Amino acid sequence: MFVCLCTGTTSHVVDEVVAKGARTSKEIADACGAGGDCGRCRRTLRAMIEAHFRAVDAAPKSVAR
């Protein structure tokens, strides 16, 4: 699915950028361009960031031995 029509950035690309550590829409824009032009997708980008870290926080933690 396209997230940013200005740059043609897909949700897959944004997911990868967030997985690599982006925590703000500005960091996503710096990494792949999404959200850096008109800004209509920024709400979606922030929702994707929140969903990623909610899933990470909910994942079972492995115990190091």
Foldseek 3Di string as FASTA:
>chain_A
DQLAPVQRDRPVLLLVQLVVPDQAVVSSCVVRNGCVPPNPSRVVSNVSNVVVVVVVVPDDDDDDD
